[in-house]
PDB file of N, CA and C in Angstrom:
ATOM      1  N   MET A   1      72.197  80.148  74.594  1.00  0.00           N
ATOM      2  CA  MET A   1      73.422  78.830  73.925  1.00  0.00           C
ATOM      3  C   MET A   1      72.501  77.976  74.069  1.00  0.00           C
ATOM      4  N   ARG A   2      72.054  77.757  75.007  1.00  0.00           N
ATOM      5  CA  ARG A   2      71.417  76.074  75.323  1.00  0.00           C
ATOM      6  C   ARG A   2      70.740  75.956  74.197  1.00  0.00           C
ATOM      7  N   ALA A   3      69.607  76.862  73.467  1.00  0.00           N
ATOM      8  CA  ALA A   3      69.098  76.733  72.468  1.00  0.00           C
ATOM      9  C   ALA A   3      69.416  76.101  71.266  1.00  0.00           C
ATOM     10  N   VAL A   4      70.803  77.013  70.902  1.00  0.00           N
ATOM     11  CA  VAL A   4      71.398  76.403  70.002  1.00  0.00           C
ATOM     12  C   VAL A   4      72.169  75.345  69.811  1.00  0.00           C
ATOM     13  N   LYS A   5      72.408  74.329  71.163  1.00  0.00           N
ATOM     14  CA  LYS A   5      73.087  73.220  71.123  1.00  0.00           C
ATOM     15  C   LYS A   5      71.773  72.092  71.113  1.00  0.00           C
ATOM     16  N   ARG A   6      70.420  72.926  71.581  1.00  0.00           N
ATOM     17  CA  ARG A   6      69.601  71.438  71.074  1.00  0.00           C
ATOM     18  C   ARG A   6      68.834  71.883  69.791  1.00  0.00           C
ATOM     19  N   VAL A   7      69.145  72.719  69.040  1.00  0.00           N
ATOM     20  CA  VAL A   7      68.904  72.735  67.818  1.00  0.00           C
ATOM     21  C   VAL A   7      70.022  72.024  67.242  1.00  0.00           C
ATOM     22  N   LEU A   8      71.344  71.900  67.433  1.00  0.00           N
ATOM     23  CA  LEU A   8      72.299  71.273  67.102  1.00  0.00           C
ATOM     24  C   LEU A   8      71.618  69.978  67.045  1.00  0.00           C
ATOM     25  N   ALA A   9      71.582  69.513  68.497  1.00  0.00           N
ATOM     26  CA  ALA A   9      71.248  67.995  68.516  1.00  0.00           C
ATOM     27  C   ALA A   9      70.260  67.610  67.651  1.00  0.00           C
ATOM     28  N   VAL A  10      69.640  67.899  67.724  1.00  0.00           N
ATOM     29  CA  VAL A  10      68.212  67.523  67.008  1.00  0.00           C
ATOM     30  C   VAL A  10      68.687  67.443  65.697  1.00  0.00           C
ATOM     31  N   THR A  11      69.197  68.477  64.999  1.00  0.00           N
ATOM     32  CA  THR A  11      69.466  68.688  63.772  1.00  0.00           C
ATOM     33  C   THR A  11      70.546  66.962  63.292  1.00  0.00           C
ATOM     34  N   ALA A  12      71.095  67.086  64.122  1.00  0.00           N
ATOM     35  CA  ALA A  12      72.288  65.705  63.839  1.00  0.00           C
ATOM     36  C   ALA A  12      71.669  64.815  64.204  1.00  0.00           C
ATOM     37  N   LEU A  13      70.600  64.229  64.882  1.00  0.00           N
ATOM     38  CA  LEU A  13      69.355  63.580  65.537  1.00  0.00           C
ATOM     39  C   LEU A  13      68.715  63.389  64.199  1.00  0.00           C
ATOM     40  N   ALA A  14      68.075  63.975  63.813  1.00  0.00           N
ATOM     41  CA  ALA A  14      66.933  63.889  62.666  1.00  0.00           C
ATOM     42  C   ALA A  14      67.773  63.708  61.509  1.00  0.00           C
ATOM     43  N   ALA A  15      69.057  63.739  60.988  1.00  0.00           N
ATOM     44  CA  ALA A  15      69.496  63.527  60.012  1.00  0.00           C
ATOM     45  C   ALA A  15      69.302  62.536  59.333  1.00  0.00           C
ATOM     46  N   PRO A  16      69.203  61.075  60.116  1.00  0.00           N
ATOM     47  CA  PRO A  16      69.398  59.917  59.625  1.00  0.00           C
ATOM     48  C   PRO A  16      67.860  59.437  58.916  1.00  0.00           C
ATOM     49  N   LEU A  17      66.838  60.209  59.754  1.00  0.00           N
ATOM     50  CA  LEU A  17      65.509  60.303  59.351  1.00  0.00           C
ATOM     51  C   LEU A  17      65.077  60.848  57.833  1.00  0.00           C
ATOM     52  N   VAL A  18      66.089  61.898  57.669  1.00  0.00           N
ATOM     53  CA  VAL A  18      66.060  62.672  56.747  1.00  0.00           C
ATOM     54  C   VAL A  18      66.544  62.075  55.650  1.00  0.00           C
ATOM     55  N   ILE A  19      67.848  61.144  55.813  1.00  0.00           N
ATOM     56  CA  ILE A  19      68.463  60.794  54.753  1.00  0.00           C
ATOM     57  C   ILE A  19      67.600  59.142  54.328  1.00  0.00           C
ATOM     58  N   GLY A  20      66.708  58.768  55.556  1.00  0.00           N
ATOM     59  CA  GLY A  20      65.751  57.570  55.626  1.00  0.00           C
ATOM     60  C   GLY A  20      64.434  58.048  54.319  1.00  0.00           C
ATOM     61  N   CYS A  21      64.363  59.175  54.939  1.00  0.00           N
ATOM     62  CA  CYS A  21      63.079  59.582  53.754  1.00  0.00           C
ATOM     63  C   CYS A  21      63.580  59.546  52.168  1.00  0.00           C
ATOM     64  N   ALA A  22      64.996  60.283  51.786  1.00  0.00           N
ATOM     65  CA  ALA A  22      65.622  60.129  50.816  1.00  0.00           C
ATOM     66  C   ALA A  22      66.045  58.762  50.254  1.00  0.00           C
ATOM     67  N   GLY A  23      66.039  57.851  51.173  1.00  0.00           N
ATOM     68  CA  GLY A  23      66.427  56.545  50.653  1.00  0.00           C
ATOM     69  C   GLY A  23      65.233  55.854  50.293  1.00  0.00           C
ATOM     70  N   LEU A  24      63.911  56.337  50.710  1.00  0.00           N
ATOM     71  CA  LEU A  24      63.142  55.533  50.240  1.00  0.00           C
ATOM     72  C   LEU A  24      62.681  55.838  48.402  1.00  0.00           C
ATOM     73  N   ALA A  25      62.869  57.078  48.685  1.00  0.00           N
ATOM     74  CA  ALA A  25      62.806  57.016  47.059  1.00  0.00           C
ATOM     75  C   ALA A  25      63.961  56.794  45.915  1.00  0.00           C
ATOM     76  N   SER A  26      64.731  56.511  46.433  1.00  0.00           N
ATOM     77  CA  SER A  26      65.709  55.827  45.753  1.00  0.00           C
ATOM     78  C   SER A  26      66.370  54.430  45.792  1.00  0.00           C
ATOM     79  N   ALA A  27      65.139  53.366  46.546  1.00  0.00           N
ATOM     80  CA  ALA A  27      65.278  52.345  47.180  1.00  0.00           C
ATOM     81  C   ALA A  27      65.379  51.317  46.201  1.00  0.00           C
ATOM     82  N   HIS A  28      64.828  51.305  45.072  1.00  0.00           N
ATOM     83  CA  HIS A  28      64.651  50.451  44.240  1.00  0.00           C
ATOM     84  C   HIS A  28      64.981  51.312  42.832  1.00  0.00           C
ATOM     85  N   GLU A  29      65.848  50.343  42.006  1.00  0.00           N
ATOM     86  CA  GLU A  29      66.539  50.791  40.293  1.00  0.00           C
ATOM     87  C   GLU A  29      64.924  51.063  39.543  1.00  0.00           C
ATOM     88  N   GLY A  30      65.113  51.864  39.235  1.00  0.00           N
ATOM     89  CA  GLY A  30      63.852  52.127  38.418  1.00  0.00           C
ATOM     90  C   GLY A  30      62.593  52.528  39.100  1.00  0.00           C
ATOM     91  N   PHE A  31      63.121  53.411  40.209  1.00  0.00           N
ATOM     92  CA  PHE A  31      61.660  53.470  41.439  1.00  0.00           C
ATOM     93  C   PHE A  31      60.904  54.432  40.803  1.00  0.00           C
ATOM     94  N   HIS A  32      60.987  55.015  39.934  1.00  0.00           N
ATOM     95  CA  HIS A  32      60.048  56.527  39.508  1.00  0.00           C
ATOM     96  C   HIS A  32      59.769  56.285  38.037  1.00  0.00           C
ATOM     97  N   GLU A  33      59.767  54.845  37.485  1.00  0.00           N
ATOM     98  CA  GLU A  33      58.979  53.991  36.362  1.00  0.00           C
ATOM     99  C   GLU A  33      57.841  53.968  36.467  1.00  0.00           C
ATOM    100  N   GLY A  34      57.133  54.497  35.602  1.00  0.00           N
ATOM    101  CA  GLY A  34      55.386  54.195  35.711  1.00  0.00           C
ATOM    102  C   GLY A  34      54.694  54.792  36.538  1.00  0.00           C
ATOM    103  N   PRO A  35      53.068  54.279  37.615  1.00  0.00           N
ATOM    104  CA  PRO A  35      52.524  55.163  38.145  1.00  0.00           C
ATOM    105  C   PRO A  35      53.332  54.852  39.632  1.00  0.00           C
ATOM    106  N   GLU A  36      52.844  55.982  40.321  1.00  0.00           N
ATOM    107  CA  GLU A  36      53.707  56.295  41.790  1.00  0.00           C
ATOM    108  C   GLU A  36      52.860  56.960  42.437  1.00  0.00           C
ATOM    109  N   ALA A  37      52.433  57.107  43.877  1.00  0.00           N
ATOM    110  CA  ALA A  37      51.650  57.510  44.910  1.00  0.00           C
ATOM    111  C   ALA A  37      52.857  58.121  46.032  1.00  0.00           C
ATOM    112  N   HIS A  38      52.864  59.261  46.592  1.00  0.00           N
ATOM    113  CA  HIS A  38      53.842  59.482  47.656  1.00  0.00           C
ATOM    114  C   HIS A  38      53.054  60.589  48.538  1.00  0.00           C
ATOM    115  N   PHE A  39      53.473  60.575  49.784  1.00  0.00           N
ATOM    116  CA  PHE A  39      53.292  61.340  50.772  1.00  0.00           C
ATOM    117  C   PHE A  39      54.555  61.659  51.607  1.00  0.00           C
ATOM    118  N   ALA A  40      54.473  63.098  52.050  1.00  0.00           N
ATOM    119  CA  ALA A  40      55.527  63.393  52.953  1.00  0.00           C
ATOM    120  C   ALA A  40      55.154  64.373  53.817  1.00  0.00           C
ATOM    121  N   GLU A  41      55.296  64.573  55.052  1.00  0.00           N
ATOM    122  CA  GLU A  41      55.224  65.662  55.928  1.00  0.00           C
ATOM    123  C   GLU A  41      55.992  65.647  56.938  1.00  0.00           C
ATOM    124  N   ALA A  42      56.810  66.645  57.401  1.00  0.00           N
ATOM    125  CA  ALA A  42      57.929  67.214  58.659  1.00  0.00           C
ATOM    126  C   ALA A  42      57.117  68.234  59.109  1.00  0.00           C
ATOM    127  N   GLN A  43      57.461  68.522  60.615  1.00  0.00           N
ATOM    128  CA  GLN A  43      57.364  69.433  61.469  1.00  0.00           C
ATOM    129  C   GLN A  43      58.603  69.902  62.509  1.00  0.00           C
ATOM    130  N   PHE A  44      58.879  70.711  62.761  1.00  0.00           N
ATOM    131  CA  PHE A  44      59.839  70.797  63.594  1.00  0.00           C
ATOM    132  C   PHE A  44      59.575  71.729  64.550  1.00  0.00           C
ATOM    133  N   ILE A  45      60.084  71.980  65.997  1.00  0.00           N
ATOM    134  CA  ILE A  45      60.282  73.095  66.713  1.00  0.00           C
ATOM    135  C   ILE A  45      61.133  73.479  67.007  1.00  0.00           C
ATOM    136  N   ALA A  46      62.137  74.843  67.750  1.00  0.00           N
ATOM    137  CA  ALA A  46      62.752  74.792  68.549  1.00  0.00           C
ATOM    138  C   ALA A  46      62.027  76.378  69.463  1.00  0.00           C
ATOM    139  N   ASN A  47      62.164  76.039  70.997  1.00  0.00           N
ATOM    140  CA  ASN A  47      61.885  77.029  71.397  1.00  0.00           C
ATOM    141  C   ASN A  47      62.664  77.159  73.309  1.00  0.00           C
ATOM    142  N   GLU A  48      62.050  77.950  74.290  1.00  0.00           N
ATOM    143  CA  GLU A  48      62.861  77.278  75.170  1.00  0.00           C
ATOM    144  C   GLU A  48      63.128  76.274  75.771  1.00  0.00           C
ATOM    145  N   GLU A  49      62.155  75.224  75.718  1.00  0.00           N
ATOM    146  CA  GLU A  49      61.669  74.014  76.393  1.00  0.00           C
ATOM    147  C   GLU A  49      62.550  72.744  75.507  1.00  0.00           C
ATOM    148  N   GLY A  50      62.931  73.329  74.838  1.00  0.00           N
ATOM    149  CA  GLY A  50      64.204  72.457  73.147  1.00  0.00           C
ATOM    150  C   GLY A  50      63.652  72.116  72.164  1.00  0.00           C
ATOM    151  N   ALA A  51      64.097  71.123  71.608  1.00  0.00           N
ATOM    152  CA  ALA A  51      63.785  71.620  70.123  1.00  0.00           C
ATOM    153  C   ALA A  51      63.478  69.905  69.197  1.00  0.00           C
ATOM    154  N   GLY A  52      62.594  69.607  68.456  1.00  0.00           N
ATOM    155  CA  GLY A  52      62.437  68.399  68.303  1.00  0.00           C
ATOM    156  C   GLY A  52      61.862  68.445  66.361  1.00  0.00           C
ATOM    157  N   GLU A  53      61.909  67.496  65.712  1.00  0.00           N
ATOM    158  CA  GLU A  53      61.405  67.284  64.537  1.00  0.00           C
ATOM    159  C   GLU A  53      60.855  65.738  64.631  1.00  0.00           C
ATOM    160  N   ALA A  54      59.608  65.846  63.581  1.00  0.00           N
ATOM    161  CA  ALA A  54      58.663  64.765  63.394  1.00  0.00           C
ATOM    162  C   ALA A  54      58.363  64.555  61.798  1.00  0.00           C
ATOM    163  N   ALA A  55      58.343  63.378  61.101  1.00  0.00           N
ATOM    164  CA  ALA A  55      58.081  62.843  59.849  1.00  0.00           C
ATOM    165  C   ALA A  55      57.303  61.577  59.608  1.00  0.00           C
ATOM    166  N   VAL A  56      57.041  62.116  58.900  1.00  0.00           N
ATOM    167  CA  VAL A  56      56.156  60.618  58.059  1.00  0.00           C
ATOM    168  C   VAL A  56      56.410  60.399  56.408  1.00  0.00           C
ATOM    169  N   ALA A  57      56.678  59.567  55.954  1.00  0.00           N
ATOM    170  CA  ALA A  57      56.571  59.663  54.570  1.00  0.00           C
ATOM    171  C   ALA A  57      56.149  58.333  53.980  1.00  0.00           C
ATOM    172  N   SER A  58      55.332  58.137  52.702  1.00  0.00           N
ATOM    173  CA  SER A  58      54.821  56.722  52.512  1.00  0.00           C
ATOM    174  C   SER A  58      54.689  56.837  50.879  1.00  0.00           C
ATOM    175  N   VAL A  59      55.238  55.485  50.596  1.00  0.00           N
ATOM    176  CA  VAL A  59      55.492  55.460  49.388  1.00  0.00           C
ATOM    177  C   VAL A  59      54.916  54.211  48.392  1.00  0.00           C
ATOM    178  N   VAL A  60      53.875  54.658  47.579  1.00  0.00           N
ATOM    179  CA  VAL A  60      53.687  53.179  46.745  1.00  0.00           C
ATOM    180  C   VAL A  60      53.492  53.045  45.070  1.00  0.00           C
ATOM    181  N   SER A  61      53.940  52.174  44.598  1.00  0.00           N
ATOM    182  CA  SER A  61      54.576  52.134  43.372  1.00  0.00           C
ATOM    183  C   SER A  61      54.469  51.002  42.985  1.00  0.00           C
ATOM    184  N   PRO A  62      54.452  50.633  41.630  1.00  0.00           N
ATOM    185  CA  PRO A  62      54.369  49.236  41.077  1.00  0.00           C
ATOM    186  C   PRO A  62      56.019  48.546  41.470  1.00  0.00           C
ATOM    187  N   HIS A  63      56.826  48.410  42.234  1.00  0.00           N
ATOM    188  CA  HIS A  63      57.682  47.944  42.579  1.00  0.00           C
ATOM    189  C   HIS A  63      57.569  47.524  44.446  1.00  0.00           C
ATOM    190  N   GLY A  64      56.599  47.921  44.849  1.00  0.00           N
ATOM    191  CA  GLY A  64      55.945  48.056  46.188  1.00  0.00           C
ATOM    192  C   GLY A  64      55.422  49.490  47.053  1.00  0.00           C
ATOM    193  N   VAL A  65      55.451  48.942  48.515  1.00  0.00           N
ATOM    194  CA  VAL A  65      55.069  50.133  49.342  1.00  0.00           C
ATOM    195  C   VAL A  65      56.102  50.293  50.448  1.00  0.00           C
ATOM    196  N   ASP A  66      56.202  51.406  50.860  1.00  0.00           N
ATOM    197  CA  ASP A  66      56.922  51.794  51.888  1.00  0.00           C
ATOM    198  C   ASP A  66      56.609  53.026  52.966  1.00  0.00           C
ATOM    199  N   HIS A  67      56.654  52.834  54.227  1.00  0.00           N
ATOM    200  CA  HIS A  67      56.183  53.863  55.112  1.00  0.00           C
ATOM    201  C   HIS A  67      57.411  54.056  56.142  1.00  0.00           C
ATOM    202  N   ILE A  68      57.572  55.573  56.703  1.00  0.00           N
ATOM    203  CA  ILE A  68      58.300  55.377  57.432  1.00  0.00           C
ATOM    204  C   ILE A  68      57.476  56.815  58.522  1.00  0.00           C
ATOM    205  N   ALA A  69      58.026  56.712  59.779  1.00  0.00           N
ATOM    206  CA  ALA A  69      57.695  57.884  60.551  1.00  0.00           C
ATOM    207  C   ALA A  69      58.472  57.980  61.277  1.00  0.00           C
ATOM    208  N   GLY A  70      58.618  59.079  62.283  1.00  0.00           N
ATOM    209  CA  GLY A  70      59.952  59.110  63.215  1.00  0.00           C
ATOM    210  C   GLY A  70      59.583  60.189  63.651  1.00  0.00           C
ATOM    211  N   TRP A  71      60.234  60.721  65.212  1.00  0.00           N
ATOM    212  CA  TRP A  71      60.589  61.993  65.966  1.00  0.00           C
ATOM    213  C   TRP A  71      61.508  62.222  66.227  1.00  0.00           C
ATOM    214  N   VAL A  72      61.800  63.020  67.237  1.00  0.00           N
ATOM    215  CA  VAL A  72      63.137  63.091  67.996  1.00  0.00           C
ATOM    216  C   VAL A  72      62.806  64.170  68.239  1.00  0.00           C
ATOM    217  N   PHE A  73      63.459  64.612  70.027  1.00  0.00           N
ATOM    218  CA  PHE A  73      63.108  65.845  70.951  1.00  0.00           C
ATOM    219  C   PHE A  73      64.335  66.022  71.917  1.00  0.00           C
ATOM    220  N   ALA A  74      64.716  67.091  71.958  1.00  0.00           N
ATOM    221  CA  ALA A  74      65.763  67.240  72.840  1.00  0.00           C
ATOM    222  C   ALA A  74      65.546  68.336  73.908  1.00  0.00           C
ATOM    223  N   GLY A  75      65.755  68.353  75.301  1.00  0.00           N
ATOM    224  CA  GLY A  75      65.419  68.876  75.994  1.00  0.00           C
ATOM    225  C   GLY A  75      66.041  68.996  77.194  1.00  0.00           C
ATOM    226  N   ASP A  76      65.721  69.539  78.174  1.00  0.00           N
ATOM    227  CA  ASP A  76      66.666  69.296  79.919  1.00  0.00           C
ATOM    228  C   ASP A  76      67.146  68.374  80.109  1.00  0.00           C
ATOM    229  N   GLU A  77      65.942  67.303  79.746  1.00  0.00           N
ATOM    230  CA  GLU A  77      66.270  65.804  80.315  1.00  0.00           C
ATOM    231  C   GLU A  77      66.839  65.056  79.388  1.00  0.00           C
ATOM    232  N   GLY A  78      67.257  65.566  78.195  1.00  0.00           N
ATOM    233  CA  GLY A  78      67.689  64.630  77.341  1.00  0.00           C
ATOM    234  C   GLY A  78      67.244  64.943  76.023  1.00  0.00           C
ATOM    235  N   VAL A  79      67.897  63.449  75.472  1.00  0.00           N
ATOM    236  CA  VAL A  79      67.271  63.021  73.314  1.00  0.00           C
ATOM    237  C   VAL A  79      66.492  61.898  73.712  1.00  0.00           C
ATOM    238  N   SER A  80      64.954  62.040  73.293  1.00  0.00           N
ATOM    239  CA  SER A  80      64.246  60.717  72.983  1.00  0.00           C
ATOM    240  C   SER A  80      63.480  60.851  71.527  1.00  0.00           C
ATOM    241  N   GLY A  81      63.359  59.641  71.278  1.00  0.00           N
ATOM    242  CA  GLY A  81      62.704  59.331  69.502  1.00  0.00           C
ATOM    243  C   GLY A  81      62.598  58.342  69.230  1.00  0.00           C
ATOM    244  N   ALA A  82      61.859  57.851  68.037  1.00  0.00           N
ATOM    245  CA  ALA A  82      61.747  57.005  68.154  1.00  0.00           C
ATOM    246  C   ALA A  82      61.687  56.991  66.229  1.00  0.00           C
ATOM    247  N   PHE A  83      61.476  55.476  65.792  1.00  0.00           N
ATOM    248  CA  PHE A  83      61.563  55.675  64.343  1.00  0.00           C
ATOM    249  C   PHE A  83      60.926  54.155  63.882  1.00  0.00           C
ATOM    250  N   THR A  84      60.124  54.050  62.668  1.00  0.00           N
ATOM    251  CA  THR A  84      59.166  52.908  62.433  1.00  0.00           C
ATOM    252  C   THR A  84      59.309  53.000  60.762  1.00  0.00           C
ATOM    253  N   ASP A  85      59.854  51.559  60.323  1.00  0.00           N
ATOM    254  CA  ASP A  85      59.968  51.280  58.829  1.00  0.00           C
ATOM    255  C   ASP A  85      59.148  50.658  58.610  1.00  0.00           C
ATOM    256  N   SER A  86      58.588  50.481  57.604  1.00  0.00           N
ATOM    257  CA  SER A  86      57.944  49.108  57.027  1.00  0.00           C
ATOM    258  C   SER A  86      57.743  49.032  55.601  1.00  0.00           C
ATOM    259  N   GLY A  87      57.993  48.047  54.745  1.00  0.00           N
ATOM    260  CA  GLY A  87      57.271  48.025  53.662  1.00  0.00           C
ATOM    261  C   GLY A  87      57.382  46.592  53.062  1.00  0.00           C
ATOM    262  N   ALA A  88      56.994  46.592  51.390  1.00  0.00           N
ATOM    263  CA  ALA A  88      57.120  45.580  51.099  1.00  0.00           C
ATOM    264  C   ALA A  88      57.393  45.643  49.612  1.00  0.00           C
ATOM    265  N   SER A  89      57.927  44.627  48.845  1.00  0.00           N
ATOM    266  CA  SER A  89      58.473  44.634  47.634  1.00  0.00           C
ATOM    267  C   SER A  89      57.829  43.796  46.609  1.00  0.00           C
ATOM    268  N   PHE A  90      57.726  44.168  45.505  1.00  0.00           N
ATOM    269  CA  PHE A  90      56.741  42.848  44.748  1.00  0.00           C
ATOM    270  C   PHE A  90      57.477  42.471  43.418  1.00  0.00           C
TER     271      PHE A  90
END
């Protein structure tokens, strides 16, 4: 039961990270017009010690560059995480 609670906690805390990745893709009107390069990677774990997720994404387009990275982990001692977002519009 504790593992289920951890997975639910991490899912709830990771949702903003996932939504943020999707927000990068739609942040600009006409974002997918013209050439574009992007990269995204996510990893997750759920075991007897806790549950967590980490993700990173980058986008380069004629409109600008964006990069996000973050992680979240829930265990016996609580929940911790970090999130970084940076970018520039042209």
